[in-house]
Protein backbone atom coordinates (compact mmCIF):
# COMPACT_ATOMS: atom_id res chain seq x y z
CA MET A 1 -4.42 33.55 11.06
CA SER A 2 -1.17 31.92 12.21
CA PRO A 3 -1.42 29.64 15.22
CA THR A 4 -0.10 30.85 18.55
CA LYS A 5 2.23 28.82 20.76
CA ASP A 6 -0.74 28.18 23.03
CA ASP A 7 -2.70 26.69 20.10
CA ILE A 8 0.11 24.24 19.44
CA ILE A 9 0.58 23.38 23.11
CA ILE A 10 -3.13 22.72 23.59
CA CYS A 11 -3.11 20.25 20.69
CA ILE A 12 -0.02 18.48 21.99
CA GLU A 13 -1.38 18.26 25.54
CA ARG A 14 -4.57 16.72 24.22
CA LEU A 15 -2.55 14.13 22.33
CA LYS A 16 -0.37 13.37 25.39
CA THR A 17 -3.48 12.50 27.38
CA LYS A 18 -5.14 10.77 24.41
CA ASP A 19 -8.15 13.06 24.63
CA ARG A 20 -10.48 10.94 22.51
CA PHE A 21 -12.89 13.83 21.92
CA HIS A 22 -10.22 16.03 20.31
CA TYR A 23 -7.67 13.47 19.09
CA ILE A 24 -8.19 13.61 15.31
CA GLU A 25 -8.92 17.32 15.46
CA SER A 26 -5.61 17.93 17.28
CA VAL A 27 -3.65 15.83 14.79
CA ASN A 28 -5.15 17.68 11.85
CA LYS A 29 -4.49 21.07 13.44
CA LEU A 30 -0.84 20.24 14.06
CA LYS A 31 -0.46 19.14 10.45
CA SER A 32 -1.93 22.43 9.27
CA TYR A 33 0.22 24.49 11.65
CA GLY A 34 3.42 23.42 9.88
CA ASP A 35 7.08 23.63 10.91
CA GLU A 36 6.75 25.16 14.35
CA ALA A 37 4.13 22.63 15.37
CA MET A 38 6.26 19.69 14.14
CA GLU A 39 9.29 20.97 16.05
CA LYS A 40 7.31 21.41 19.25
CA PHE A 41 5.74 17.99 18.81
CA VAL A 42 9.16 16.29 18.60
CA SER A 43 10.34 18.34 21.58
CA ALA A 44 7.30 17.18 23.55
CA LEU A 45 8.06 13.59 22.58
CA GLN A 46 11.56 13.93 24.03
CA ASP A 47 10.19 15.30 27.32
CA ALA A 48 7.32 12.82 27.63
CA ASN A 49 6.95 10.12 30.26
CA GLU A 50 6.30 6.50 29.23
CA PHE A 51 2.54 6.81 28.75
CA GLU A 52 2.69 10.22 27.12
CA GLY A 53 5.35 8.89 24.79
CA MET A 54 3.14 6.01 23.70
CA TYR A 55 0.27 8.36 22.93
CA LEU A 56 2.52 10.77 21.05
CA LEU A 57 3.96 7.83 19.11
CA ASN A 58 0.44 7.01 17.90
CA ALA A 59 -0.11 10.65 17.00
CA ALA A 60 3.18 10.76 15.06
CA VAL A 61 1.95 7.85 12.96
CA GLU A 62 -1.31 9.71 12.32
CA ILE A 63 0.62 12.82 11.27
CA GLY A 64 2.52 10.64 8.80
CA THR A 65 5.28 11.62 6.39
CA GLN A 66 5.13 15.28 7.44
CA ILE A 67 6.77 14.43 10.79
CA ILE A 68 9.59 12.32 9.32
CA PRO A 69 12.22 15.07 8.74
CA TYR A 70 11.77 16.35 12.29
CA LEU A 71 12.12 12.88 13.83
CA LEU A 72 15.24 12.17 11.78
CA ARG A 73 16.82 15.53 12.56
CA ASP A 74 16.75 14.94 16.31
CA LEU A 75 17.15 11.17 16.32
CA ASN A 76 20.73 11.12 17.60
CA LYS A 77 19.89 13.62 20.35
CA MET A 78 17.18 11.42 21.83
CA ASN A 79 17.56 9.13 24.82
CA THR A 80 17.05 5.42 24.28
CA THR A 81 13.34 5.34 25.09
CA VAL A 82 12.44 8.30 22.90
CA LYS A 83 14.66 7.07 20.08
CA CYS A 84 12.79 3.76 20.16
CA TYR A 85 9.46 5.64 20.00
CA ALA A 86 10.69 7.68 17.03
CA ILE A 87 12.01 4.65 15.15
CA ALA A 88 8.82 2.71 15.86
CA ALA A 89 6.84 5.63 14.41
CA LEU A 90 9.02 5.61 11.29
CA GLY A 91 8.28 1.91 10.90
CA GLU A 92 4.54 2.40 11.24
CA ILE A 93 4.55 5.29 8.74
CA ARG A 94 6.20 2.86 6.28
CA ASP A 95 7.96 5.38 4.08
CA THR A 96 10.98 3.91 2.26
CA SER A 97 12.70 7.30 2.25
CA VAL A 98 14.01 6.53 5.75
CA ALA A 99 15.82 3.36 4.63
CA GLU A 100 19.33 4.81 4.81
CA ASN A 101 18.66 6.28 8.24
CA LEU A 102 17.54 2.91 9.57
CA ILE A 103 20.56 1.17 8.07
CA ILE A 104 22.75 3.60 10.03
CA ALA A 105 20.62 3.27 13.18
CA ILE A 106 21.01 -0.51 13.27
CA GLY A 107 24.59 0.18 14.35
CA ASP A 108 23.38 1.89 17.53
CA PRO A 109 25.24 0.69 20.65
CA ASN A 110 21.98 0.07 22.53
CA PRO A 111 20.37 -3.32 21.80
CA LEU A 112 16.85 -1.96 22.46
CA VAL A 113 17.35 0.55 19.67
CA ARG A 114 18.69 -2.15 17.33
CA GLN A 115 15.66 -4.36 18.07
CA THR A 116 13.32 -1.47 17.31
CA VAL A 117 15.18 -0.74 14.07
CA ILE A 118 14.73 -4.34 12.91
CA GLN A 119 11.03 -4.20 13.74
CA ALA A 120 10.74 -0.99 11.74
CA MET A 121 12.60 -2.59 8.83
CA GLU A 122 10.10 -5.43 8.84
CA LYS A 123 7.19 -2.98 8.67
CA ILE A 124 8.69 -0.89 5.85
CA GLY A 125 9.74 -3.87 3.75
CA PRO A 126 12.44 -6.36 4.79
CA GLU A 127 13.54 -7.09 1.23
CA ILE A 128 15.25 -3.70 0.96
CA PHE A 129 17.07 -4.28 4.26
CA LYS A 130 18.19 -7.83 3.50
CA ASP A 131 21.93 -7.12 3.80
CA SER A 132 21.49 -5.33 7.13
CA LEU A 133 19.34 -8.16 8.49
CA ILE A 134 21.93 -10.75 7.50
CA LYS A 135 24.61 -8.76 9.32
CA ALA A 136 22.31 -8.64 12.36
CA LEU A 137 22.54 -12.43 12.60
CA ASP A 138 25.97 -11.82 14.11
CA ASP A 139 24.70 -9.25 16.63
CA ALA A 140 25.84 -9.55 20.24
CA ASN A 141 22.24 -9.40 21.46
CA GLN A 142 20.26 -12.65 21.26
CA GLN A 143 16.92 -10.93 20.62
CA VAL A 144 18.37 -8.99 17.71
CA ARG A 145 19.81 -12.21 16.23
CA GLY A 146 16.56 -14.09 16.73
CA TYR A 147 14.33 -11.38 15.31
CA ALA A 148 16.55 -10.98 12.24
CA ALA A 149 16.59 -14.74 11.69
CA GLY A 150 12.80 -14.91 11.82
CA ILE A 151 12.34 -12.13 9.28
CA LEU A 152 14.91 -13.61 6.87
CA GLY A 153 13.08 -16.93 7.02
CA ASP A 154 9.76 -15.25 6.33
CA ILE A 155 11.12 -13.60 3.18
CA LYS A 156 12.93 -16.81 2.15
CA ALA A 157 16.29 -15.08 1.88
CA GLU A 158 18.61 -17.62 0.28
CA GLU A 159 21.55 -15.28 0.90
CA ALA A 160 21.06 -15.79 4.64
CA VAL A 161 21.54 -19.58 4.55
CA PRO A 162 25.31 -19.61 5.34
CA MET A 163 24.81 -17.37 8.39
CA LEU A 164 21.75 -19.31 9.55
CA LEU A 165 23.76 -22.54 9.34
CA LEU A 166 26.23 -20.95 11.72
CA LEU A 167 23.41 -19.70 13.94
CA ILE A 168 22.04 -23.20 14.57
CA ARG A 169 25.15 -23.68 16.70
CA ASP A 170 24.28 -20.67 18.87
CA THR A 171 24.51 -21.11 22.63
CA ASP A 172 20.93 -19.89 23.07
CA PRO A 173 18.31 -22.61 22.38
CA GLU A 174 15.71 -20.07 21.26
CA ILE A 175 18.11 -18.73 18.64
CA LYS A 176 18.95 -22.26 17.45
CA ALA A 177 15.25 -23.03 17.15
CA MET A 178 14.52 -19.81 15.26
CA ALA A 179 17.45 -20.38 12.89
CA ALA A 180 16.26 -23.92 12.19
CA ARG A 181 12.70 -22.76 11.46
CA SER A 182 14.01 -20.09 9.10
CA LEU A 183 16.14 -22.61 7.23
CA GLY A 184 13.01 -24.70 6.80
CA LYS A 185 11.04 -21.75 5.44
CA ILE A 186 13.82 -20.95 2.98
CA GLY A 187 13.78 -24.59 1.94
CA ASN A 188 17.35 -25.04 0.72
CA PRO A 189 18.20 -28.80 0.82
CA CYS A 190 21.83 -28.00 1.67
CA ALA A 191 20.66 -27.40 5.24
CA VAL A 192 19.26 -30.92 5.68
CA PRO A 193 22.40 -32.76 6.91
CA LYS A 194 23.06 -30.20 9.65
CA LEU A 195 19.40 -30.07 10.61
CA ILE A 196 19.30 -33.84 10.97
CA LYS A 197 22.22 -33.63 13.43
CA MET A 198 20.19 -31.14 15.46
CA LEU A 199 17.62 -33.86 16.19
CA ASN A 200 20.06 -35.05 18.87
CA ASP A 201 19.89 -31.72 20.71
CA ASN A 202 18.98 -32.03 24.40
CA MET A 203 16.43 -29.19 24.23
CA PRO A 204 12.93 -30.30 23.11
CA MET A 205 12.14 -26.84 21.68
CA VAL A 206 15.19 -27.06 19.41
CA VAL A 207 14.36 -30.57 18.23
CA SER A 208 10.73 -29.61 17.63
CA ALA A 209 11.67 -26.57 15.55
CA THR A 210 14.13 -28.69 13.57
CA LEU A 211 11.47 -31.30 12.84
CA LEU A 212 9.12 -28.66 11.48
CA ALA A 213 11.96 -27.28 9.35
CA LEU A 214 12.69 -30.71 7.89
CA GLY A 215 8.98 -31.09 7.17
CA ASP A 216 9.06 -27.85 5.21
CA ILE A 217 12.09 -28.86 3.15
CA ARG A 218 10.49 -32.23 2.34
CA THR A 219 13.39 -34.08 0.71
CA GLU A 220 13.47 -37.89 0.88
CA GLU A 221 16.52 -37.60 3.13
CA CYS A 222 14.37 -35.92 5.79
CA PHE A 223 11.75 -38.63 6.14
CA GLU A 224 13.42 -41.42 8.13
CA PRO A 225 15.15 -39.18 10.72
CA VAL A 226 11.81 -37.49 11.38
CA THR A 227 9.99 -40.78 11.95
CA THR A 228 12.52 -41.83 14.60
CA CYS A 229 11.37 -38.88 16.70
CA LEU A 230 7.85 -40.33 16.95
CA LYS A 231 9.18 -42.34 19.91
CA HIS A 232 10.94 -39.42 21.59
CA GLU A 233 10.42 -39.16 25.35
CA HIS A 234 9.07 -35.60 25.16
CA GLU A 235 5.54 -35.08 23.87
CA LEU A 236 6.44 -31.73 22.28
CA VAL A 237 8.93 -33.51 20.03
CA ARG A 238 6.55 -36.36 19.19
CA ALA A 239 3.84 -33.86 18.23
CA ALA A 240 6.30 -31.96 16.02
CA ALA A 241 7.32 -35.21 14.33
CA VAL A 242 3.68 -35.95 13.48
CA LYS A 243 3.24 -32.45 12.06
CA SER A 244 6.47 -32.78 10.08
CA ILE A 245 5.31 -35.99 8.42
CA GLY A 246 2.07 -34.27 7.48
CA ARG A 247 3.99 -31.37 5.96
CA MET A 248 6.06 -33.75 3.88
CA ARG A 249 2.89 -35.13 2.29
CA ASN A 250 4.64 -38.48 2.03
CA ARG A 251 2.10 -41.30 1.92
CA LYS A 252 4.64 -43.65 3.49
CA GLY A 253 3.80 -41.81 6.67
CA ILE A 254 0.27 -43.24 6.81
CA GLN A 255 1.19 -46.66 8.19
CA ILE A 256 3.87 -45.22 10.45
CA LEU A 257 1.46 -42.70 11.96
CA LYS A 258 -1.11 -45.39 12.65
CA THR A 259 1.29 -46.75 15.27
CA VAL A 260 1.11 -43.36 16.97
CA LEU A 261 -2.64 -43.75 17.47
CA ASN A 262 -1.71 -45.59 20.68
CA ASP A 263 0.45 -42.78 22.05
CA GLU A 264 -0.05 -42.08 25.75
CA ASN A 265 -0.83 -38.43 24.99
CA ILE A 266 -4.38 -37.84 23.75
CA ILE A 267 -3.42 -34.67 21.87
CA ILE A 268 -0.75 -36.56 19.92
CA ARG A 269 -3.20 -39.38 19.19
CA GLU A 270 -5.74 -36.90 17.81
CA LEU A 271 -3.04 -35.10 15.82
CA ALA A 272 -1.83 -38.38 14.32
CA ASN A 273 -5.40 -39.35 13.42
CA GLU A 274 -6.01 -36.03 11.65
CA THR A 275 -2.68 -36.30 9.83
CA VAL A 276 -3.47 -39.83 8.63
CA LYS A 277 -6.79 -38.60 7.25
CA PHE A 278 -5.03 -35.72 5.55
CA LEU A 279 -2.43 -37.97 3.91
CA GLU A 280 -5.08 -40.46 2.81
CA SER A 281 -6.97 -37.63 1.13
CA GLU A 282 -3.89 -36.53 -0.83
CA GLU A 283 -3.89 -37.60 -4.46
């Protein structure tokens, strides 16, 4: 027997309130009800308040690929909040068939939507969105730039190096720090000279991120500039310098780090001691 409108509405209302006793049952019923149920579900998502929207987002993920065409069909009709819910659901479903839609959506005028698109791209598989993520490094919104930079570093995208080298001159210190860390993860030695210059930045978070990046790249050129930061006035920078020397696995750091065992900060002293032990254990 075909479901009635009331059958569909009951299921959706249970999902909107996250009725834990009927949650899975309601999801499965909607999936079996077919087109009409999917259309009403997306309509309910568009009319939902914040909490209802979150619960329906979770249900959309449970429904899976069956809901995708209905989310995509109405995507451009949705307000910002609902569009973000829909895109987040597409990311969690992790179906590569939506790739082209996300590439288009990253051009949305609203930065919240663009952020959500990038997060969805990361879930589905950032390698297939590499070009779009590199373009996002030039986005007007700092969070979009930062998030894209972080993902490109995680996937070691060599193609992103030229843009990341521009991004380390960003006006936002968090973006500069993220760009530096990503350059370190990618590990291209061409970044070293510009990273070394960043050690003179007046923001400790930027200098610390740069030190860790130099530690990841590990060329001989990195070593001496890193050691000079062991006497930096800010403990965050000194701690990062110790970690960087450990990452370089350069045994020349053993004697240098022993001088740090007298640092005024107990955490840095303990970190230096552990790093010395680590380097001494290296063959």
